[in-house]
Amino acid sequence: MTLRARLVLALGAFVTIGLAAFGSATYVRYSRVEYQRLDDQLRSTLSSVSQQLTQAVGLDRDGRHGDSDDHGPAVTVSPFSALRVVYAELRSPTGTVIANVETEGKPDLPAGTLDGSRTFTVGSSEGSGRWRVSVAPASNPGASGYEVIVATPTKPVTDSLSELLLIETVGGLAILLVL
């Protein structure tokens, strides 16, 4: 093998390693930013969703639900315009769903109370797909102990990440072919 051939192979190997490292770093960083943005959007809707759900079920300032202490079946609330929120529910202190908003699909949420403010990912109860979920205490003063849950599919984020991966792969192969 000639010196020129060895240099071209070495250069190709270094460029491949460099492109792979750059592509991986870009993918990881973009993924974190996109999921953080999605989490921020979900958290920013919690207060307005909480107000709408607690008002829909008639929770007053004393925490009473309508005219009785029995919550009965869950109230289905009309979809509202909350950025990227596709599913929302209000749970009583015992973990019973007392109101929900469902526009397309439903996340596979654990039963009962979810204890505190947090964001996590779950599967879908219908079909495939993942959901990003944010939980927080209800913001209405009369809803002490109640939890508000908002969720949205992660499909837009995963679609963006797939597109980035495709662009990086095609671009990297084009660079290698030029060598």
C-alpha atoms as a PDB file:
ATOM      1  CA  MET A   1       0.000   0.000   0.000  1.00  0.00           C
ATOM      2  CA  THR A   2       1.393   3.370  -0.984  1.00  0.00           C
ATOM      3  CA  LEU A   3       1.988   6.233   1.402  1.00  0.00           C
ATOM      4  CA  ARG A   4      -0.708   8.252  -0.344  1.00  0.00           C
ATOM      5  CA  ALA A   5      -3.305   5.488   0.120  1.00  0.00           C
ATOM      6  CA  ARG A   6      -2.411   5.152   3.828  1.00  0.00           C
ATOM      7  CA  LEU A   7      -2.710   8.933   4.320  1.00  0.00           C
ATOM      8  CA  VAL A   8      -6.096   9.030   2.585  1.00  0.00           C
ATOM      9  CA  LEU A   9      -7.349   6.109   4.742  1.00  0.00           C
ATOM     10  CA  ALA A  10      -6.035   7.757   7.916  1.00  0.00           C
ATOM     11  CA  LEU A  11      -7.615  11.073   6.955  1.00  0.00           C
ATOM     12  CA  GLY A  12     -10.892   9.302   6.187  1.00  0.00           C
ATOM     13  CA  ALA A  13     -10.831   7.545   9.565  1.00  0.00           C
ATOM     14  CA  PHE A  14     -10.139  10.810  11.429  1.00  0.00           C
ATOM     15  CA  VAL A  15     -12.868  12.665   9.546  1.00  0.00           C
ATOM     16  CA  THR A  16     -15.310   9.818  10.240  1.00  0.00           C
ATOM     17  CA  ILE A  17     -14.487   9.863  13.963  1.00  0.00           C
ATOM     18  CA  GLY A  18     -14.752  13.658  14.044  1.00  0.00           C
ATOM     19  CA  LEU A  19     -18.098  13.683  12.241  1.00  0.00           C
ATOM     20  CA  ALA A  20     -19.459  10.936  14.517  1.00  0.00           C
ATOM     21  CA  ALA A  21     -18.357  12.830  17.647  1.00  0.00           C
ATOM     22  CA  PHE A  22     -19.788  16.110  16.365  1.00  0.00           C
ATOM     23  CA  GLY A  23     -23.044  14.437  15.294  1.00  0.00           C
ATOM     24  CA  SER A  24     -23.455  12.678  18.639  1.00  0.00           C
ATOM     25  CA  ALA A  25     -22.767  15.851  20.620  1.00  0.00           C
ATOM     26  CA  THR A  26     -25.197  17.841  18.463  1.00  0.00           C
ATOM     27  CA  TYR A  27     -27.902  15.183  18.795  1.00  0.00           C
ATOM     28  CA  VAL A  28     -27.567  14.939  22.594  1.00  0.00           C
ATOM     29  CA  ARG A  29     -27.579  18.725  23.049  1.00  0.00           C
ATOM     30  CA  TYR A  30     -30.527  19.271  20.706  1.00  0.00           C
ATOM     31  CA  SER A  31     -32.452  16.467  22.423  1.00  0.00           C
ATOM     32  CA  ARG A  32     -31.950  18.047  25.852  1.00  0.00           C
ATOM     33  CA  VAL A  33     -32.977  21.481  24.604  1.00  0.00           C
ATOM     34  CA  GLU A  34     -36.116  20.171  22.894  1.00  0.00           C
ATOM     35  CA  TYR A  35     -37.259  18.142  25.930  1.00  0.00           C
ATOM     36  CA  GLN A  36     -36.522  21.090  28.241  1.00  0.00           C
ATOM     37  CA  ARG A  37     -38.595  23.359  25.997  1.00  0.00           C
ATOM     38  CA  LEU A  38     -41.437  20.830  26.026  1.00  0.00           C
ATOM     39  CA  ASP A  39     -41.231  20.568  29.837  1.00  0.00           C
ATOM     40  CA  ASP A  40     -41.257  24.366  30.184  1.00  0.00           C
ATOM     41  CA  GLN A  41     -44.328  24.616  27.964  1.00  0.00           C
ATOM     42  CA  LEU A  42     -46.149  21.982  30.001  1.00  0.00           C
ATOM     43  CA  ARG A  43     -45.250  23.626  33.325  1.00  0.00           C
ATOM     44  CA  SER A  44     -46.333  27.041  32.026  1.00  0.00           C
ATOM     45  CA  THR A  45     -49.828  25.705  31.283  1.00  0.00           C
ATOM     46  CA  LEU A  46     -50.385  24.089  34.692  1.00  0.00           C
ATOM     47  CA  SER A  47     -51.873  27.180  36.345  1.00  0.00           C
ATOM     48  CA  SER A  48     -54.422  27.977  33.615  1.00  0.00           C
ATOM     49  CA  VAL A  49     -55.362  24.300  33.228  1.00  0.00           C
ATOM     50  CA  SER A  50     -55.782  24.054  37.001  1.00  0.00           C
ATOM     51  CA  GLN A  51     -58.125  27.064  37.020  1.00  0.00           C
ATOM     52  CA  GLN A  52     -60.208  25.703  34.158  1.00  0.00           C
ATOM     53  CA  LEU A  53     -60.535  22.196  35.604  1.00  0.00           C
ATOM     54  CA  THR A  54     -61.344  23.283  39.162  1.00  0.00           C
ATOM     55  CA  GLN A  55     -63.955  25.744  37.868  1.00  0.00           C
ATOM     56  CA  ALA A  56     -65.443  23.096  35.570  1.00  0.00           C
ATOM     57  CA  VAL A  57     -66.104  20.754  38.497  1.00  0.00           C
ATOM     58  CA  GLY A  58     -67.299  23.566  40.751  1.00  0.00           C
ATOM     59  CA  LEU A  59     -64.595  23.468  43.410  1.00  0.00           C
ATOM     60  CA  ASP A  60     -65.203  26.518  45.571  1.00  0.00           C
ATOM     61  CA  ARG A  61     -62.750  28.337  47.810  1.00  0.00           C
ATOM     62  CA  ASP A  62     -63.513  25.884  50.663  1.00  0.00           C
ATOM     63  CA  GLY A  63     -62.633  22.870  48.524  1.00  0.00           C
ATOM     64  CA  ARG A  64     -66.229  21.650  48.177  1.00  0.00           C
ATOM     65  CA  HIS A  65     -67.159  20.024  44.903  1.00  0.00           C
ATOM     66  CA  GLY A  66     -70.580  21.252  43.864  1.00  0.00           C
ATOM     67  CA  ASP A  67     -73.275  20.470  46.445  1.00  0.00           C
ATOM     68  CA  SER A  68     -71.846  17.219  47.800  1.00  0.00           C
ATOM     69  CA  ASP A  69     -68.657  15.641  49.058  1.00  0.00           C
ATOM     70  CA  ASP A  70     -69.065  12.692  46.669  1.00  0.00           C
ATOM     71  CA  HIS A  71     -67.239  13.496  43.459  1.00  0.00           C
ATOM     72  CA  GLY A  72     -69.173  11.017  41.354  1.00  0.00           C
ATOM     73  CA  PRO A  73     -67.956  10.198  37.828  1.00  0.00           C
ATOM     74  CA  ALA A  74     -65.229  12.253  36.200  1.00  0.00           C
ATOM     75  CA  VAL A  75     -66.339  15.370  34.372  1.00  0.00           C
ATOM     76  CA  THR A  76     -65.155  15.604  30.777  1.00  0.00           C
ATOM     77  CA  VAL A  77     -64.202  19.176  30.001  1.00  0.00           C
ATOM     78  CA  SER A  78     -64.208  20.627  26.484  1.00  0.00           C
ATOM     79  CA  PRO A  79     -60.746  20.990  24.993  1.00  0.00           C
ATOM     80  CA  PHE A  80     -59.171  24.361  25.621  1.00  0.00           C
ATOM     81  CA  SER A  81     -56.384  26.198  23.914  1.00  0.00           C
ATOM     82  CA  ALA A  82     -53.325  25.418  25.970  1.00  0.00           C
ATOM     83  CA  LEU A  83     -50.068  25.291  24.074  1.00  0.00           C
ATOM     84  CA  ARG A  84     -49.250  21.674  23.187  1.00  0.00           C
ATOM     85  CA  VAL A  85     -51.429  20.235  25.990  1.00  0.00           C
ATOM     86  CA  VAL A  86     -53.340  17.311  24.575  1.00  0.00           C
ATOM     87  CA  TYR A  87     -54.449  15.651  27.817  1.00  0.00           C
ATOM     88  CA  ALA A  88     -55.182  17.065  31.275  1.00  0.00           C
ATOM     89  CA  GLU A  89     -56.845  15.799  34.413  1.00  0.00           C
ATOM     90  CA  LEU A  90     -57.696  16.897  37.935  1.00  0.00           C
ATOM     91  CA  ARG A  91     -57.291  14.330  40.703  1.00  0.00           C
ATOM     92  CA  SER A  92     -58.737  14.478  44.182  1.00  0.00           C
ATOM     93  CA  PRO A  93     -56.556  14.022  47.285  1.00  0.00           C
ATOM     94  CA  THR A  94     -57.408  10.294  47.149  1.00  0.00           C
ATOM     95  CA  GLY A  95     -56.164  10.039  43.551  1.00  0.00           C
ATOM     96  CA  THR A  96     -59.592   9.791  41.919  1.00  0.00           C
ATOM     97  CA  VAL A  97     -59.884  11.478  38.525  1.00  0.00           C
ATOM     98  CA  ILE A  98     -62.667  14.054  38.853  1.00  0.00           C
ATOM     99  CA  ALA A  99     -62.198  15.969  35.582  1.00  0.00           C
ATOM    100  CA  ASN A 100     -60.273  15.462  32.383  1.00  0.00           C
ATOM    101  CA  VAL A 101     -59.635  16.940  28.967  1.00  0.00           C
ATOM    102  CA  GLU A 102     -58.794  14.557  26.170  1.00  0.00           C
ATOM    103  CA  THR A 103     -58.313  15.721  22.599  1.00  0.00           C
ATOM    104  CA  GLU A 104     -56.321  12.933  20.964  1.00  0.00           C
ATOM    105  CA  GLY A 105     -55.128   9.794  22.661  1.00  0.00           C
ATOM    106  CA  LYS A 106     -54.324   9.262  26.306  1.00  0.00           C
ATOM    107  CA  PRO A 107     -51.128   8.697  28.292  1.00  0.00           C
ATOM    108  CA  ASP A 108     -50.742   5.573  30.414  1.00  0.00           C
ATOM    109  CA  LEU A 109     -50.681   7.342  33.794  1.00  0.00           C
ATOM    110  CA  PRO A 110     -50.164   5.577  37.112  1.00  0.00           C
ATOM    111  CA  ALA A 111     -53.259   5.361  39.313  1.00  0.00           C
ATOM    112  CA  GLY A 112     -53.618   7.283  42.563  1.00  0.00           C
ATOM    113  CA  THR A 113     -51.829  10.430  43.600  1.00  0.00           C
ATOM    114  CA  LEU A 114     -48.528  11.296  41.966  1.00  0.00           C
ATOM    115  CA  ASP A 115     -47.144  13.296  44.931  1.00  0.00           C
ATOM    116  CA  GLY A 116     -45.680  16.677  44.192  1.00  0.00           C
ATOM    117  CA  SER A 117     -44.438  18.652  41.250  1.00  0.00           C
ATOM    118  CA  ARG A 118     -42.495  16.695  38.668  1.00  0.00           C
ATOM    119  CA  THR A 119     -42.162  15.920  34.982  1.00  0.00           C
ATOM    120  CA  PHE A 120     -41.733  12.434  33.535  1.00  0.00           C
ATOM    121  CA  THR A 121     -42.324  10.303  30.436  1.00  0.00           C
ATOM    122  CA  VAL A 122     -44.892   7.510  30.083  1.00  0.00           C
ATOM    123  CA  GLY A 123     -46.207   5.300  27.312  1.00  0.00           C
ATOM    124  CA  SER A 124     -49.549   5.605  25.595  1.00  0.00           C
ATOM    125  CA  SER A 125     -52.637   3.770  26.844  1.00  0.00           C
ATOM    126  CA  GLU A 126     -53.843   3.517  23.238  1.00  0.00           C
ATOM    127  CA  GLY A 127     -51.437   2.469  20.517  1.00  0.00           C
ATOM    128  CA  SER A 128     -47.776   3.369  20.516  1.00  0.00           C
ATOM    129  CA  GLY A 129     -45.955   6.546  21.370  1.00  0.00           C
ATOM    130  CA  ARG A 130     -44.566   8.317  24.401  1.00  0.00           C
ATOM    131  CA  TRP A 131     -46.039  11.173  26.432  1.00  0.00           C
ATOM    132  CA  ARG A 132     -44.356  13.892  28.468  1.00  0.00           C
ATOM    133  CA  VAL A 133     -46.301  14.508  31.683  1.00  0.00           C
ATOM    134  CA  SER A 134     -46.143  17.328  34.218  1.00  0.00           C
ATOM    135  CA  VAL A 135     -47.814  17.134  37.635  1.00  0.00           C
ATOM    136  CA  ALA A 136     -48.389  19.892  40.184  1.00  0.00           C
ATOM    137  CA  PRO A 137     -50.740  20.738  43.026  1.00  0.00           C
ATOM    138  CA  ALA A 138     -53.921  22.494  41.865  1.00  0.00           C
ATOM    139  CA  SER A 139     -53.523  26.280  42.061  1.00  0.00           C
ATOM    140  CA  ASN A 140     -57.079  27.079  43.184  1.00  0.00           C
ATOM    141  CA  PRO A 141     -57.114  27.962  46.925  1.00  0.00           C
ATOM    142  CA  GLY A 142     -60.086  25.650  47.440  1.00  0.00           C
ATOM    143  CA  ALA A 143     -58.361  22.708  45.797  1.00  0.00           C
ATOM    144  CA  SER A 144     -55.872  21.885  48.542  1.00  0.00           C
ATOM    145  CA  GLY A 145     -54.560  18.354  48.049  1.00  0.00           C
ATOM    146  CA  TYR A 146     -55.813  18.146  44.472  1.00  0.00           C
ATOM    147  CA  GLU A 147     -53.362  17.472  41.630  1.00  0.00           C
ATOM    148  CA  VAL A 148     -53.360  18.748  38.067  1.00  0.00           C
ATOM    149  CA  ILE A 149     -51.760  16.596  35.390  1.00  0.00           C
ATOM    150  CA  VAL A 150     -51.015  17.849  31.879  1.00  0.00           C
ATOM    151  CA  ALA A 151     -49.516  15.753  29.091  1.00  0.00           C
ATOM    152  CA  THR A 152     -48.543  15.951  25.458  1.00  0.00           C
ATOM    153  CA  PRO A 153     -47.142  13.410  22.996  1.00  0.00           C
ATOM    154  CA  THR A 154     -43.384  13.506  22.441  1.00  0.00           C
ATOM    155  CA  LYS A 155     -43.858  12.808  18.712  1.00  0.00           C
ATOM    156  CA  PRO A 156     -42.962  16.357  17.570  1.00  0.00           C
ATOM    157  CA  VAL A 157     -39.664  16.134  19.483  1.00  0.00           C
ATOM    158  CA  THR A 158     -38.839  12.636  18.274  1.00  0.00           C
ATOM    159  CA  ASP A 159     -39.698  13.654  14.700  1.00  0.00           C
ATOM    160  CA  SER A 160     -37.299  16.619  14.950  1.00  0.00           C
ATOM    161  CA  LEU A 161     -34.573  14.386  16.353  1.00  0.00           C
ATOM    162  CA  SER A 162     -35.079  11.856  13.549  1.00  0.00           C
ATOM    163  CA  GLU A 163     -34.817  14.632  10.975  1.00  0.00           C
ATOM    164  CA  LEU A 164     -31.612  15.914  12.593  1.00  0.00           C
ATOM    165  CA  LEU A 165     -30.151  12.401  12.510  1.00  0.00           C
ATOM    166  CA  LEU A 166     -31.010  12.051   8.825  1.00  0.00           C
ATOM    167  CA  ILE A 167     -29.433  15.420   7.961  1.00  0.00           C
ATOM    168  CA  GLU A 168     -26.272  14.602   9.928  1.00  0.00           C
ATOM    169  CA  THR A 169     -25.964  11.166   8.296  1.00  0.00           C
ATOM    170  CA  VAL A 170     -26.487  12.430   4.736  1.00  0.00           C
ATOM    171  CA  GLY A 171     -24.148  15.396   5.316  1.00  0.00           C
ATOM    172  CA  GLY A 172     -21.462  13.200   6.847  1.00  0.00           C
ATOM    173  CA  LEU A 173     -21.627  10.688   3.986  1.00  0.00           C
ATOM    174  CA  ALA A 174     -21.412  13.519   1.447  1.00  0.00           C
ATOM    175  CA  ILE A 175     -18.267  14.866   3.158  1.00  0.00           C
ATOM    176  CA  LEU A 176     -16.708  11.405   3.199  1.00  0.00           C
ATOM    177  CA  LEU A 177     -17.477  10.882  -0.498  1.00  0.00           C
ATOM    178  CA  VAL A 178     -15.760  14.147  -1.349  1.00  0.00           C
ATOM    179  CA  LEU A 179     -12.591  12.856   0.297  1.00  0.00           C
END
